[in-house]
Amino acid sequence: MSKYFSLIYSGEIHQGSEGKIIPAEELSELLKASEVLQKARTDVKTYLENNKEECQKLLNQAEEAGFNKGLAEFNKQIIHYQERVKQMEHELQKVILPLALKAAKKIVGRELELKPETIVDIVRQTLKPVTQNHHIKIIVSKQDREALEKKKGELRQMLEHVQTFIIEEREDITPGGCIIETEAGIINASLENQWRALESAFEAFMKR
């Protein structure tokens, strides 16, 4: 027996037995349009109810896939932005640090011009590691020697065991710097040496 069409849950709609063609009058009585429509509606409703959970699951998966894709793209952009900011910071450091060093040199030079006695504080700080030594020589610029000679007594009081305490001048020493010689070694606190140390620190920082 062949069929006209099949419904999903409600069975099949067949033509008459023995392959006979059903007359229009009998077909209209057997399968009224309203009955077929109602049967189809019931069938569709049953299908939707039975597959509602699966449909929702598929919908959720699609939404989640889209969200994850969007989140991955967002994270990618954030990483790119962070790398770009880091690169810009590094480029700025290359420009700013040398300028800062240059400015610092000018500030120190200006401070020494306005306050020549600043060398006394510099020497006082430099002497702290050698207060237990017996023989100490301070070498400074010609410009700074006069200010130190005026404070020589105060500086000597810092040195508990000193036996010889000498202040000398040297042409190659820049104002604001000093060299301390003792029986145990030498402390190079010349400005040139300090600037070189600072420059090396800047260079090491920029290579990180």
N, C-alpha and C. Protein backbone atom coordinates (compact mmCIF):
# COMPACT_ATOMS: atom_id res chain seq x y z
N MET A 1 0.86 -1.19 0.00
CA MET A 1 0.00 0.00 0.00
C MET A 1 0.89 1.23 0.00
N SER A 2 0.71 2.10 -0.96
CA SER A 2 1.49 3.34 -1.00
C SER A 2 0.82 4.40 -0.16
N LYS A 3 1.58 5.46 0.15
CA LYS A 3 1.04 6.53 0.99
C LYS A 3 1.11 7.85 0.26
N TYR A 4 0.18 8.73 0.65
CA TYR A 4 0.25 10.08 0.09
C TYR A 4 1.37 10.88 0.76
N PHE A 5 1.42 10.88 2.09
CA PHE A 5 2.48 11.55 2.86
C PHE A 5 2.48 10.99 4.26
N SER A 6 3.54 11.29 5.04
CA SER A 6 3.68 10.79 6.41
C SER A 6 3.76 11.95 7.38
N LEU A 7 3.17 11.77 8.53
CA LEU A 7 3.34 12.69 9.64
C LEU A 7 4.41 12.11 10.56
N ILE A 8 5.00 12.96 11.38
CA ILE A 8 6.13 12.51 12.20
C ILE A 8 5.70 11.53 13.27
N TYR A 9 4.63 11.88 13.97
CA TYR A 9 4.21 11.05 15.10
C TYR A 9 2.85 10.38 14.89
N SER A 10 2.03 10.92 14.04
CA SER A 10 0.63 10.46 13.96
C SER A 10 0.38 9.46 12.85
N GLY A 11 1.41 8.83 12.34
CA GLY A 11 1.21 7.80 11.34
C GLY A 11 1.21 8.33 9.93
N GLU A 12 0.67 7.54 8.99
CA GLU A 12 0.70 7.86 7.58
C GLU A 12 -0.71 8.05 7.03
N ILE A 13 -0.80 8.82 5.98
CA ILE A 13 -2.06 9.01 5.27
C ILE A 13 -1.97 8.18 3.99
N HIS A 14 -2.81 7.14 3.88
CA HIS A 14 -2.73 6.20 2.76
C HIS A 14 -3.91 6.37 1.81
N GLN A 15 -3.68 5.92 0.57
CA GLN A 15 -4.81 5.78 -0.35
C GLN A 15 -5.49 4.44 -0.10
N GLY A 16 -6.55 4.15 -0.75
CA GLY A 16 -7.34 2.95 -0.52
C GLY A 16 -6.58 1.67 -0.80
N SER A 17 -7.11 0.59 -0.30
CA SER A 17 -6.47 -0.71 -0.47
C SER A 17 -6.54 -1.14 -1.92
N GLU A 18 -5.67 -2.05 -2.25
CA GLU A 18 -5.60 -2.62 -3.59
C GLU A 18 -5.26 -1.58 -4.65
N GLY A 19 -4.70 -0.45 -4.21
CA GLY A 19 -4.23 0.55 -5.16
C GLY A 19 -5.31 1.24 -5.93
N LYS A 20 -6.54 1.13 -5.49
CA LYS A 20 -7.63 1.80 -6.20
C LYS A 20 -7.62 3.29 -5.92
N ILE A 21 -7.98 4.06 -6.90
CA ILE A 21 -8.09 5.50 -6.71
C ILE A 21 -9.38 5.79 -5.99
N ILE A 22 -9.30 6.56 -4.91
CA ILE A 22 -10.49 6.87 -4.13
C ILE A 22 -11.23 8.02 -4.80
N PRO A 23 -12.52 7.86 -5.01
CA PRO A 23 -13.31 8.94 -5.60
C PRO A 23 -13.27 10.17 -4.73
N ALA A 24 -13.46 11.31 -5.31
CA ALA A 24 -13.41 12.58 -4.60
C ALA A 24 -14.38 12.63 -3.44
N GLU A 25 -15.60 12.05 -3.66
CA GLU A 25 -16.60 12.10 -2.61
C GLU A 25 -16.15 11.32 -1.38
N GLU A 26 -15.57 10.13 -1.62
CA GLU A 26 -15.14 9.30 -0.49
C GLU A 26 -13.92 9.91 0.20
N LEU A 27 -13.02 10.46 -0.60
CA LEU A 27 -11.82 11.07 -0.01
C LEU A 27 -12.18 12.24 0.88
N SER A 28 -13.16 13.04 0.44
CA SER A 28 -13.56 14.19 1.25
C SER A 28 -14.20 13.76 2.54
N GLU A 29 -14.90 12.64 2.50
CA GLU A 29 -15.51 12.12 3.72
C GLU A 29 -14.46 11.48 4.62
N LEU A 30 -13.51 10.79 3.99
CA LEU A 30 -12.50 10.06 4.78
C LEU A 30 -11.49 11.01 5.42
N LEU A 31 -11.05 11.95 4.65
CA LEU A 31 -10.03 12.90 5.13
C LEU A 31 -10.49 14.32 4.90
N LYS A 32 -11.29 14.77 5.77
CA LYS A 32 -11.73 16.15 5.70
C LYS A 32 -10.52 17.07 5.97
N ALA A 33 -10.52 18.17 5.31
CA ALA A 33 -9.39 19.10 5.43
C ALA A 33 -9.14 19.52 6.86
N SER A 34 -10.21 19.74 7.60
CA SER A 34 -10.05 20.18 8.98
C SER A 34 -9.38 19.13 9.84
N GLU A 35 -9.70 17.86 9.56
CA GLU A 35 -9.12 16.77 10.34
C GLU A 35 -7.62 16.63 10.06
N VAL A 36 -7.28 16.72 8.77
CA VAL A 36 -5.87 16.63 8.40
C VAL A 36 -5.08 17.77 9.03
N LEU A 37 -5.64 18.98 8.97
CA LEU A 37 -4.98 20.15 9.55
C LEU A 37 -4.77 19.98 11.04
N GLN A 38 -5.82 19.51 11.72
CA GLN A 38 -5.72 19.31 13.15
C GLN A 38 -4.67 18.26 13.49
N LYS A 39 -4.65 17.21 12.70
CA LYS A 39 -3.68 16.14 12.91
C LYS A 39 -2.26 16.66 12.73
N ALA A 40 -2.09 17.49 11.71
CA ALA A 40 -0.76 18.06 11.46
C ALA A 40 -0.33 18.99 12.59
N ARG A 41 -1.29 19.79 13.07
CA ARG A 41 -0.97 20.70 14.18
C ARG A 41 -0.53 19.92 15.42
N THR A 42 -1.26 18.86 15.71
CA THR A 42 -0.92 18.03 16.86
C THR A 42 0.46 17.42 16.70
N ASP A 43 0.74 17.00 15.49
CA ASP A 43 2.03 16.38 15.21
C ASP A 43 3.18 17.36 15.42
N VAL A 44 3.01 18.57 14.90
CA VAL A 44 4.05 19.60 15.05
C VAL A 44 4.26 19.96 16.51
N LYS A 45 3.16 20.09 17.25
CA LYS A 45 3.25 20.43 18.67
C LYS A 45 4.02 19.37 19.44
N THR A 46 3.71 18.12 19.15
CA THR A 46 4.40 17.01 19.81
C THR A 46 5.90 17.04 19.51
N TYR A 47 6.22 17.32 18.27
CA TYR A 47 7.64 17.37 17.86
C TYR A 47 8.39 18.48 18.60
N LEU A 48 7.78 19.64 18.67
CA LEU A 48 8.43 20.77 19.33
C LEU A 48 8.64 20.50 20.81
N GLU A 49 7.63 19.92 21.46
CA GLU A 49 7.74 19.64 22.88
C GLU A 49 8.84 18.61 23.15
N ASN A 50 8.88 17.58 22.32
CA ASN A 50 9.88 16.53 22.51
C ASN A 50 11.30 17.01 22.22
N ASN A 51 11.44 18.03 21.40
CA ASN A 51 12.77 18.50 21.00
C ASN A 51 13.11 19.88 21.56
N LYS A 52 12.27 20.37 22.44
CA LYS A 52 12.50 21.70 23.01
C LYS A 52 13.84 21.77 23.74
N GLU A 53 14.11 20.77 24.56
CA GLU A 53 15.34 20.76 25.34
C GLU A 53 16.57 20.70 24.44
N GLU A 54 16.49 19.87 23.40
CA GLU A 54 17.61 19.74 22.47
C GLU A 54 17.83 21.03 21.69
N CYS A 55 16.73 21.66 21.28
CA CYS A 55 16.84 22.93 20.56
C CYS A 55 17.48 24.01 21.42
N GLN A 56 17.08 24.07 22.68
CA GLN A 56 17.64 25.05 23.60
C GLN A 56 19.13 24.79 23.83
N LYS A 57 19.46 23.51 23.90
CA LYS A 57 20.85 23.13 24.09
C LYS A 57 21.70 23.59 22.90
N LEU A 58 21.18 23.37 21.70
CA LEU A 58 21.89 23.81 20.50
C LEU A 58 22.02 25.32 20.45
N LEU A 59 20.96 26.01 20.87
CA LEU A 59 20.98 27.47 20.89
C LEU A 59 22.02 27.98 21.88
N ASN A 60 22.05 27.36 23.06
CA ASN A 60 23.03 27.76 24.07
C ASN A 60 24.45 27.53 23.59
N GLN A 61 24.65 26.39 22.92
CA GLN A 61 25.99 26.09 22.41
C GLN A 61 26.43 27.13 21.38
N ALA A 62 25.49 27.52 20.54
CA ALA A 62 25.80 28.52 19.52
C ALA A 62 26.15 29.86 20.17
N GLU A 63 25.37 30.25 21.18
CA GLU A 63 25.63 31.51 21.88
C GLU A 63 26.97 31.46 22.61
N GLU A 64 27.23 30.32 23.25
CA GLU A 64 28.48 30.17 24.00
C GLU A 64 29.68 30.21 23.05
N ALA A 65 29.53 29.56 21.90
CA ALA A 65 30.62 29.57 20.92
C ALA A 65 30.91 30.99 20.46
N GLY A 66 29.84 31.75 20.23
CA GLY A 66 30.02 33.14 19.82
C GLY A 66 30.65 33.98 20.92
N PHE A 67 30.23 33.75 22.15
CA PHE A 67 30.79 34.49 23.30
C PHE A 67 32.27 34.18 23.47
N ASN A 68 32.61 32.89 23.41
CA ASN A 68 34.01 32.49 23.58
C ASN A 68 34.89 33.07 22.48
N LYS A 69 34.34 33.11 21.28
CA LYS A 69 35.10 33.70 20.17
C LYS A 69 35.32 35.19 20.42
N GLY A 70 34.28 35.86 20.88
CA GLY A 70 34.41 37.28 21.18
C GLY A 70 35.37 37.54 22.32
N LEU A 71 35.31 36.68 23.35
CA LEU A 71 36.20 36.84 24.49
C LEU A 71 37.65 36.62 24.08
N ALA A 72 37.88 35.62 23.24
CA ALA A 72 39.23 35.35 22.76
C ALA A 72 39.78 36.53 21.98
N GLU A 73 38.94 37.14 21.17
CA GLU A 73 39.35 38.31 20.39
C GLU A 73 39.63 39.50 21.29
N PHE A 74 38.80 39.66 22.32
CA PHE A 74 39.00 40.75 23.29
C PHE A 74 40.34 40.58 24.01
N ASN A 75 40.61 39.35 24.48
CA ASN A 75 41.88 39.08 25.17
C ASN A 75 43.06 39.33 24.25
N LYS A 76 42.91 38.98 23.00
CA LYS A 76 43.97 39.20 22.02
C LYS A 76 44.27 40.69 21.88
N GLN A 77 43.22 41.49 21.84
CA GLN A 77 43.40 42.94 21.72
C GLN A 77 44.03 43.53 22.97
N ILE A 78 43.65 43.01 24.13
CA ILE A 78 44.23 43.49 25.40
C ILE A 78 45.73 43.21 25.43
N ILE A 79 46.12 42.00 25.04
CA ILE A 79 47.54 41.63 25.02
C ILE A 79 48.31 42.54 24.06
N HIS A 80 47.73 42.79 22.90
CA HIS A 80 48.37 43.67 21.92
C HIS A 80 48.52 45.08 22.49
N TYR A 81 47.49 45.55 23.18
CA TYR A 81 47.54 46.89 23.77
C TYR A 81 48.62 46.97 24.85
N GLN A 82 48.72 45.94 25.70
CA GLN A 82 49.72 45.93 26.76
C GLN A 82 51.13 45.92 26.19
N GLU A 83 51.33 45.15 25.13
CA GLU A 83 52.65 45.10 24.49
C GLU A 83 53.00 46.46 23.89
N ARG A 84 52.02 47.10 23.30
CA ARG A 84 52.25 48.41 22.70
C ARG A 84 52.59 49.45 23.75
N VAL A 85 51.87 49.43 24.86
CA VAL A 85 52.15 50.37 25.96
C VAL A 85 53.55 50.15 26.51
N LYS A 86 53.93 48.88 26.67
CA LYS A 86 55.27 48.56 27.17
C LYS A 86 56.34 49.08 26.22
N GLN A 87 56.11 48.93 24.93
CA GLN A 87 57.05 49.41 23.92
C GLN A 87 57.16 50.93 23.97
N MET A 88 56.03 51.61 24.13
CA MET A 88 56.04 53.06 24.20
C MET A 88 56.77 53.54 25.45
N GLU A 89 56.56 52.85 26.58
CA GLU A 89 57.25 53.22 27.81
C GLU A 89 58.76 53.09 27.63
N HIS A 90 59.18 52.00 26.99
CA HIS A 90 60.61 51.78 26.77
C HIS A 90 61.19 52.88 25.88
N GLU A 91 60.46 53.26 24.84
CA GLU A 91 60.92 54.32 23.94
C GLU A 91 61.00 55.67 24.67
N LEU A 92 60.04 55.92 25.53
CA LEU A 92 60.05 57.17 26.30
C LEU A 92 61.23 57.21 27.27
N GLN A 93 61.52 56.06 27.88
CA GLN A 93 62.64 55.99 28.81
C GLN A 93 63.96 56.33 28.13
N LYS A 94 64.11 55.87 26.89
CA LYS A 94 65.33 56.16 26.15
C LYS A 94 65.53 57.66 25.95
N VAL A 95 64.43 58.38 25.86
CA VAL A 95 64.50 59.82 25.67
C VAL A 95 64.59 60.56 27.00
N ILE A 96 63.77 60.12 27.96
CA ILE A 96 63.64 60.85 29.22
C ILE A 96 64.86 60.69 30.13
N LEU A 97 65.39 59.46 30.25
CA LEU A 97 66.49 59.23 31.19
C LEU A 97 67.74 60.05 30.87
N PRO A 98 68.19 60.12 29.62
CA PRO A 98 69.33 60.99 29.33
C PRO A 98 69.05 62.46 29.63
N LEU A 99 67.82 62.89 29.35
CA LEU A 99 67.45 64.27 29.67
C LEU A 99 67.45 64.51 31.17
N ALA A 100 66.99 63.51 31.92
CA ALA A 100 66.98 63.63 33.38
C ALA A 100 68.41 63.73 33.92
N LEU A 101 69.30 62.94 33.35
CA LEU A 101 70.70 62.97 33.78
C LEU A 101 71.33 64.33 33.47
N LYS A 102 71.03 64.84 32.29
CA LYS A 102 71.55 66.15 31.90
C LYS A 102 71.01 67.24 32.82
N ALA A 103 69.73 67.15 33.15
CA ALA A 103 69.13 68.13 34.05
C ALA A 103 69.74 68.04 35.44
N ALA A 104 70.00 66.81 35.89
CA ALA A 104 70.60 66.61 37.22
C ALA A 104 71.99 67.26 37.29
N LYS A 105 72.75 67.11 36.22
CA LYS A 105 74.08 67.72 36.19
C LYS A 105 73.99 69.24 36.30
N LYS A 106 73.02 69.81 35.59
CA LYS A 106 72.84 71.27 35.65
C LYS A 106 72.42 71.72 37.04
N ILE A 107 71.52 70.94 37.65
CA ILE A 107 71.04 71.29 39.00
C ILE A 107 72.17 71.24 40.01
N VAL A 108 72.98 70.17 39.93
CA VAL A 108 74.11 70.04 40.86
C VAL A 108 75.09 71.18 40.65
N GLY A 109 75.39 71.48 39.38
CA GLY A 109 76.32 72.56 39.09
C GLY A 109 75.81 73.89 39.62
N ARG A 110 74.53 74.14 39.44
CA ARG A 110 73.94 75.38 39.92
C ARG A 110 73.96 75.44 41.44
N GLU A 111 73.68 74.32 42.09
CA GLU A 111 73.68 74.26 43.55
C GLU A 111 75.07 74.57 44.11
N LEU A 112 76.09 74.03 43.45
CA LEU A 112 77.47 74.26 43.91
C LEU A 112 77.88 75.72 43.72
N GLU A 113 77.36 76.35 42.67
CA GLU A 113 77.67 77.76 42.44
C GLU A 113 77.02 78.63 43.51
N LEU A 114 75.77 78.32 43.83
CA LEU A 114 75.03 79.13 44.81
C LEU A 114 75.48 78.84 46.24
N LYS A 115 75.85 77.58 46.50
CA LYS A 115 76.24 77.18 47.85
C LYS A 115 77.57 76.43 47.83
N PRO A 116 78.66 77.15 47.81
CA PRO A 116 79.98 76.50 47.76
C PRO A 116 80.22 75.56 48.94
N GLU A 117 79.55 75.84 50.07
CA GLU A 117 79.75 74.99 51.26
C GLU A 117 79.13 73.61 51.10
N THR A 118 78.42 73.38 50.01
CA THR A 118 77.82 72.06 49.76
C THR A 118 78.88 70.98 49.75
N ILE A 119 80.09 71.31 49.33
CA ILE A 119 81.17 70.32 49.28
C ILE A 119 81.46 69.73 50.66
N VAL A 120 81.22 70.52 51.70
CA VAL A 120 81.46 70.03 53.06
C VAL A 120 80.54 68.86 53.37
N ASP A 121 79.28 68.98 53.03
CA ASP A 121 78.33 67.88 53.26
C ASP A 121 78.70 66.65 52.41
N ILE A 122 79.14 66.90 51.18
CA ILE A 122 79.53 65.79 50.30
C ILE A 122 80.71 65.02 50.89
N VAL A 123 81.70 65.75 51.35
CA VAL A 123 82.88 65.11 51.95
C VAL A 123 82.50 64.40 53.24
N ARG A 124 81.64 65.03 54.03
CA ARG A 124 81.22 64.42 55.29
C ARG A 124 80.57 63.05 55.04
N GLN A 125 79.72 62.97 54.03
CA GLN A 125 79.08 61.69 53.69
C GLN A 125 80.10 60.67 53.19
N THR A 126 81.07 61.15 52.43
CA THR A 126 82.07 60.25 51.86
C THR A 126 83.01 59.71 52.94
N LEU A 127 83.22 60.46 54.00
CA LEU A 127 84.13 60.04 55.07
C LEU A 127 83.54 58.97 55.99
N LYS A 128 82.23 58.80 56.00
CA LYS A 128 81.59 57.88 56.94
C LYS A 128 82.15 56.46 56.91
N PRO A 129 82.47 55.89 55.74
CA PRO A 129 83.00 54.52 55.74
C PRO A 129 84.44 54.40 56.24
N VAL A 130 85.14 55.52 56.41
CA VAL A 130 86.57 55.44 56.76
C VAL A 130 86.87 56.10 58.10
N THR A 131 85.88 56.21 58.95
CA THR A 131 86.09 56.90 60.23
C THR A 131 87.06 56.17 61.16
N GLN A 132 87.33 54.89 60.89
CA GLN A 132 88.24 54.12 61.75
C GLN A 132 89.67 54.10 61.21
N ASN A 133 89.89 54.72 60.07
CA ASN A 133 91.24 54.73 59.49
C ASN A 133 92.13 55.75 60.18
N HIS A 134 93.47 55.55 60.02
CA HIS A 134 94.44 56.41 60.71
C HIS A 134 95.00 57.52 59.82
N HIS A 135 95.11 57.26 58.55
CA HIS A 135 95.71 58.23 57.64
C HIS A 135 94.72 58.54 56.51
N ILE A 136 94.29 59.79 56.48
CA ILE A 136 93.25 60.18 55.52
C ILE A 136 93.66 61.44 54.77
N LYS A 137 93.52 61.36 53.45
CA LYS A 137 93.80 62.52 52.60
C LYS A 137 92.55 62.80 51.75
N ILE A 138 92.11 64.05 51.75
CA ILE A 138 90.95 64.46 50.95
C ILE A 138 91.46 65.29 49.78
N ILE A 139 91.11 64.88 48.57
CA ILE A 139 91.54 65.59 47.37
C ILE A 139 90.30 66.20 46.70
N VAL A 140 90.34 67.52 46.53
CA VAL A 140 89.19 68.22 45.95
C VAL A 140 89.67 69.21 44.89
N SER A 141 88.72 69.92 44.29
CA SER A 141 89.08 70.96 43.32
C SER A 141 89.61 72.18 44.06
N LYS A 142 90.30 73.01 43.32
CA LYS A 142 90.83 74.24 43.90
C LYS A 142 89.69 75.11 44.42
N GLN A 143 88.59 75.11 43.70
CA GLN A 143 87.43 75.92 44.08
C GLN A 143 86.84 75.49 45.42
N ASP A 144 86.88 74.20 45.71
CA ASP A 144 86.25 73.68 46.93
C ASP A 144 87.19 73.64 48.14
N ARG A 145 88.46 73.77 47.92
CA ARG A 145 89.40 73.59 49.03
C ARG A 145 89.20 74.61 50.14
N GLU A 146 88.97 75.83 49.78
CA GLU A 146 88.82 76.89 50.79
C GLU A 146 87.67 76.58 51.74
N ALA A 147 86.51 76.16 51.19
CA ALA A 147 85.36 75.85 52.03
C ALA A 147 85.66 74.68 52.96
N LEU A 148 86.42 73.71 52.50
CA LEU A 148 86.76 72.55 53.33
C LEU A 148 87.75 72.93 54.44
N GLU A 149 88.70 73.77 54.11
CA GLU A 149 89.69 74.18 55.11
C GLU A 149 89.00 74.87 56.30
N LYS A 150 87.93 75.61 56.00
CA LYS A 150 87.20 76.30 57.06
C LYS A 150 86.51 75.30 58.00
N LYS A 151 86.16 74.14 57.49
CA LYS A 151 85.43 73.13 58.27
C LYS A 151 86.32 71.94 58.63
N LYS A 152 87.61 72.10 58.48
CA LYS A 152 88.52 70.97 58.71
C LYS A 152 88.42 70.44 60.13
N GLY A 153 88.29 71.34 61.09
CA GLY A 153 88.19 70.92 62.49
C GLY A 153 86.96 70.05 62.72
N GLU A 154 85.82 70.45 62.18
CA GLU A 154 84.58 69.68 62.34
C GLU A 154 84.70 68.30 61.68
N LEU A 155 85.32 68.28 60.51
CA LEU A 155 85.47 67.01 59.80
C LEU A 155 86.39 66.06 60.57
N ARG A 156 87.44 66.61 61.17
CA ARG A 156 88.39 65.77 61.90
C ARG A 156 87.72 65.13 63.11
N GLN A 157 86.75 65.79 63.70
CA GLN A 157 86.06 65.23 64.87
C GLN A 157 85.30 63.94 64.52
N MET A 158 84.97 63.76 63.26
CA MET A 158 84.30 62.53 62.83
C MET A 158 85.24 61.33 62.87
N LEU A 159 86.53 61.59 62.79
CA LEU A 159 87.53 60.54 62.61
C LEU A 159 88.17 60.20 63.95
N GLU A 160 87.68 59.17 64.60
CA GLU A 160 88.07 58.83 65.96
C GLU A 160 89.55 58.46 66.09
N HIS A 161 90.09 57.76 65.10
CA HIS A 161 91.45 57.24 65.22
C HIS A 161 92.43 57.87 64.24
N VAL A 162 92.06 58.99 63.63
CA VAL A 162 92.91 59.59 62.62
C VAL A 162 94.21 60.13 63.23
N GLN A 163 95.30 59.92 62.51
CA GLN A 163 96.60 60.43 62.93
C GLN A 163 97.08 61.53 61.99
N THR A 164 96.84 61.33 60.72
CA THR A 164 97.16 62.38 59.75
C THR A 164 95.91 62.68 58.93
N PHE A 165 95.62 63.97 58.79
CA PHE A 165 94.41 64.39 58.07
C PHE A 165 94.79 65.55 57.17
N ILE A 166 94.77 65.32 55.86
CA ILE A 166 95.27 66.29 54.89
C ILE A 166 94.19 66.62 53.86
N ILE A 167 94.14 67.89 53.48
CA ILE A 167 93.26 68.33 52.39
C ILE A 167 94.13 68.87 51.28
N GLU A 168 93.98 68.33 50.08
CA GLU A 168 94.76 68.77 48.93
C GLU A 168 93.82 69.12 47.77
N GLU A 169 94.37 69.89 46.84
CA GLU A 169 93.60 70.23 45.64
C GLU A 169 94.25 69.60 44.41
N ARG A 170 93.41 69.35 43.39
CA ARG A 170 93.94 68.78 42.15
C ARG A 170 93.14 69.34 40.98
N GLU A 171 93.82 69.64 39.91
CA GLU A 171 93.18 70.32 38.79
C GLU A 171 92.13 69.46 38.08
N ASP A 172 92.33 68.14 38.09
CA ASP A 172 91.40 67.28 37.35
C ASP A 172 90.15 66.91 38.14
N ILE A 173 90.02 67.43 39.36
CA ILE A 173 88.82 67.16 40.17
C ILE A 173 87.79 68.26 39.90
N THR A 174 86.61 67.85 39.50
CA THR A 174 85.52 68.80 39.22
C THR A 174 84.91 69.28 40.53
N PRO A 175 84.56 70.58 40.63
CA PRO A 175 83.88 71.07 41.84
C PRO A 175 82.67 70.21 42.19
N GLY A 176 82.55 69.90 43.47
CA GLY A 176 81.45 69.06 43.94
C GLY A 176 81.85 67.61 44.14
N GLY A 177 83.03 67.24 43.67
CA GLY A 177 83.49 65.86 43.82
C GLY A 177 84.73 65.80 44.71
N CYS A 178 85.09 64.59 45.12
CA CYS A 178 86.27 64.43 45.95
C CYS A 178 86.80 63.00 45.83
N ILE A 179 88.06 62.85 46.22
CA ILE A 179 88.66 61.52 46.31
C ILE A 179 89.24 61.39 47.71
N ILE A 180 88.94 60.29 48.38
CA ILE A 180 89.44 60.04 49.73
C ILE A 180 90.48 58.92 49.66
N GLU A 181 91.70 59.23 50.09
CA GLU A 181 92.76 58.22 50.13
C GLU A 181 93.06 57.86 51.58
N THR A 182 93.12 56.55 51.86
CA THR A 182 93.46 56.06 53.21
C THR A 182 94.48 54.94 53.07
N GLU A 183 94.99 54.46 54.21
CA GLU A 183 95.93 53.33 54.18
C GLU A 183 95.25 52.05 53.71
N ALA A 184 93.92 52.03 53.73
CA ALA A 184 93.18 50.83 53.33
C ALA A 184 92.71 50.86 51.88
N GLY A 185 92.74 52.04 51.25
CA GLY A 185 92.26 52.12 49.87
C GLY A 185 91.78 53.51 49.51
N ILE A 186 91.11 53.59 48.38
CA ILE A 186 90.67 54.88 47.83
C ILE A 186 89.17 54.85 47.56
N ILE A 187 88.52 55.96 47.90
CA ILE A 187 87.10 56.15 47.56
C ILE A 187 87.03 57.25 46.52
N ASN A 188 86.57 56.90 45.33
CA ASN A 188 86.45 57.88 44.25
C ASN A 188 85.03 58.43 44.24
N ALA A 189 84.87 59.61 44.80
CA ALA A 189 83.57 60.27 44.83
C ALA A 189 83.57 61.50 43.94
N SER A 190 84.41 61.46 42.90
CA SER A 190 84.40 62.57 41.95
C SER A 190 83.07 62.57 41.21
N LEU A 191 82.64 63.74 40.80
CA LEU A 191 81.37 63.83 40.09
C LEU A 191 81.39 63.02 38.81
N GLU A 192 82.55 63.03 38.12
CA GLU A 192 82.64 62.26 36.88
C GLU A 192 82.37 60.79 37.14
N ASN A 193 82.93 60.26 38.21
CA ASN A 193 82.73 58.85 38.54
C ASN A 193 81.28 58.57 38.91
N GLN A 194 80.68 59.49 39.65
CA GLN A 194 79.28 59.30 40.06
C GLN A 194 78.33 59.38 38.85
N TRP A 195 78.63 60.30 37.94
CA TRP A 195 77.80 60.39 36.73
C TRP A 195 77.92 59.13 35.89
N ARG A 196 79.14 58.60 35.79
CA ARG A 196 79.33 57.36 35.02
C ARG A 196 78.55 56.21 35.64
N ALA A 197 78.56 56.14 36.96
CA ALA A 197 77.82 55.08 37.65
C ALA A 197 76.32 55.23 37.40
N LEU A 198 75.86 56.48 37.42
CA LEU A 198 74.43 56.73 37.19
C LEU A 198 74.05 56.40 35.75
N GLU A 199 74.92 56.77 34.81
CA GLU A 199 74.66 56.46 33.41
C GLU A 199 74.61 54.95 33.18
N SER A 200 75.51 54.22 33.83
CA SER A 200 75.52 52.76 33.70
C SER A 200 74.23 52.16 34.25
N ALA A 201 73.76 52.73 35.36
CA ALA A 201 72.50 52.25 35.95
C ALA A 201 71.34 52.52 35.00
N PHE A 202 71.33 53.68 34.37
CA PHE A 202 70.28 54.01 33.40
C PHE A 202 70.31 53.05 32.21
N GLU A 203 71.52 52.79 31.70
CA GLU A 203 71.65 51.90 30.55
C GLU A 203 71.17 50.49 30.88
N ALA A 204 71.53 50.02 32.08
CA ALA A 204 71.10 48.68 32.50
C ALA A 204 69.58 48.64 32.64
N PHE A 205 69.01 49.72 33.14
CA PHE A 205 67.56 49.79 33.31
C PHE A 205 66.85 49.74 31.97
N MET A 206 67.38 50.45 30.98
CA MET A 206 66.73 50.51 29.66
C MET A 206 66.86 49.20 28.89
N LYS A 207 67.81 48.37 29.25
CA LYS A 207 67.99 47.08 28.57
C LYS A 207 67.07 46.01 29.11
N ARG A 208 66.39 46.28 30.21
CA ARG A 208 65.51 45.27 30.82
C ARG A 208 64.33 44.97 29.91
